[in-house]
Amino acid sequence: MTVPCPECGTAVPCPADATPGELVICDHCGVELEVVAVAPLKLQVFEEEEK
């Protein structure tokens, strides 16, 4: 299963059992992406919370 990278538009492979909060990396632009929804599968750029 692939989803377009919200940063560069390249197809990013995601595991079929992806869960919200899981992180994947776009192989094309290197940005870290977070799974935010699974039906339909949606990714957003991961922004680490400052503590």
C-alpha atoms as a PDB file:
ATOM      1  CA  MET A   1       0.000   0.000   0.000  1.00  0.00           C
ATOM      2  CA  THR A   2       1.355   3.438  -0.890  1.00  0.00           C
ATOM      3  CA  VAL A   3       0.291   6.972   0.007  1.00  0.00           C
ATOM      4  CA  PRO A   4       1.530  10.218  -1.566  1.00  0.00           C
ATOM      5  CA  CYS A   5       4.092  12.066   0.545  1.00  0.00           C
ATOM      6  CA  PRO A   6       2.519  15.366   1.681  1.00  0.00           C
ATOM      7  CA  GLU A   7       5.915  17.043   1.243  1.00  0.00           C
ATOM      8  CA  CYS A   8       7.055  15.904  -2.224  1.00  0.00           C
ATOM      9  CA  GLY A   9       4.181  13.823  -3.672  1.00  0.00           C
ATOM     10  CA  THR A  10       6.223  10.636  -4.145  1.00  0.00           C
ATOM     11  CA  ALA A  11       4.478   7.356  -3.294  1.00  0.00           C
ATOM     12  CA  VAL A  12       5.483   6.224   0.204  1.00  0.00           C
ATOM     13  CA  PRO A  13       5.097   2.513   1.006  1.00  0.00           C
ATOM     14  CA  CYS A  14       3.178   1.851   4.224  1.00  0.00           C
ATOM     15  CA  PRO A  15       2.556  -1.451   5.983  1.00  0.00           C
ATOM     16  CA  ALA A  16      -0.947  -2.864   5.526  1.00  0.00           C
ATOM     17  CA  ASP A  17      -1.296  -3.000   9.325  1.00  0.00           C
ATOM     18  CA  ALA A  18      -0.219   0.631   9.895  1.00  0.00           C
ATOM     19  CA  THR A  19      -1.645   2.254  13.015  1.00  0.00           C
ATOM     20  CA  PRO A  20      -2.157   5.916  13.923  1.00  0.00           C
ATOM     21  CA  GLY A  21       1.023   7.342  15.414  1.00  0.00           C
ATOM     22  CA  GLU A  22       3.292   5.018  13.429  1.00  0.00           C
ATOM     23  CA  LEU A  23       6.197   6.746  11.673  1.00  0.00           C
ATOM     24  CA  VAL A  24       7.424   6.119   8.133  1.00  0.00           C
ATOM     25  CA  ILE A  25      10.151   7.834   6.111  1.00  0.00           C
ATOM     26  CA  CYS A  26       9.800   9.097   2.552  1.00  0.00           C
ATOM     27  CA  ASP A  27      12.657   7.510   0.604  1.00  0.00           C
ATOM     28  CA  HIS A  28      12.616  10.355  -1.922  1.00  0.00           C
ATOM     29  CA  CYS A  29      12.817  13.497   0.246  1.00  0.00           C
ATOM     30  CA  GLY A  30      13.763  11.920   3.601  1.00  0.00           C
ATOM     31  CA  VAL A  31      10.993  13.576   5.612  1.00  0.00           C
ATOM     32  CA  GLU A  32       9.605  11.703   8.626  1.00  0.00           C
ATOM     33  CA  LEU A  33       5.856  11.089   8.304  1.00  0.00           C
ATOM     34  CA  GLU A  34       3.244  10.091  10.861  1.00  0.00           C
ATOM     35  CA  VAL A  35       0.197   7.933  10.124  1.00  0.00           C
ATOM     36  CA  VAL A  36      -2.768  10.083  11.228  1.00  0.00           C
ATOM     37  CA  ALA A  37      -5.638   7.981   9.823  1.00  0.00           C
ATOM     38  CA  VAL A  38      -6.024   4.451   8.481  1.00  0.00           C
ATOM     39  CA  ALA A  39      -9.374   4.529   6.666  1.00  0.00           C
ATOM     40  CA  PRO A  40      -8.414   6.050   4.318  1.00  0.00           C
ATOM     41  CA  LEU A  41      -4.680   5.957   5.033  1.00  0.00           C
ATOM     42  CA  LYS A  42      -3.375   9.489   5.584  1.00  0.00           C
ATOM     43  CA  LEU A  43       0.105  10.779   6.418  1.00  0.00           C
ATOM     44  CA  GLN A  44       1.318  14.119   7.708  1.00  0.00           C
ATOM     45  CA  VAL A  45       4.787  15.529   8.319  1.00  0.00           C
ATOM     46  CA  PHE A  46       5.888  14.459  11.799  1.00  0.00           C
ATOM     47  CA  GLU A  47       6.694  17.337  14.110  1.00  0.00           C
ATOM     48  CA  GLU A  48       8.285  16.286  17.368  1.00  0.00           C
ATOM     49  CA  GLU A  49       6.760  17.991  20.394  1.00  0.00           C
ATOM     50  CA  GLU A  50       9.126  20.206  22.344  1.00  0.00           C
ATOM     51  CA  LYS A  51       9.344  19.407  26.061  1.00  0.00           C
END
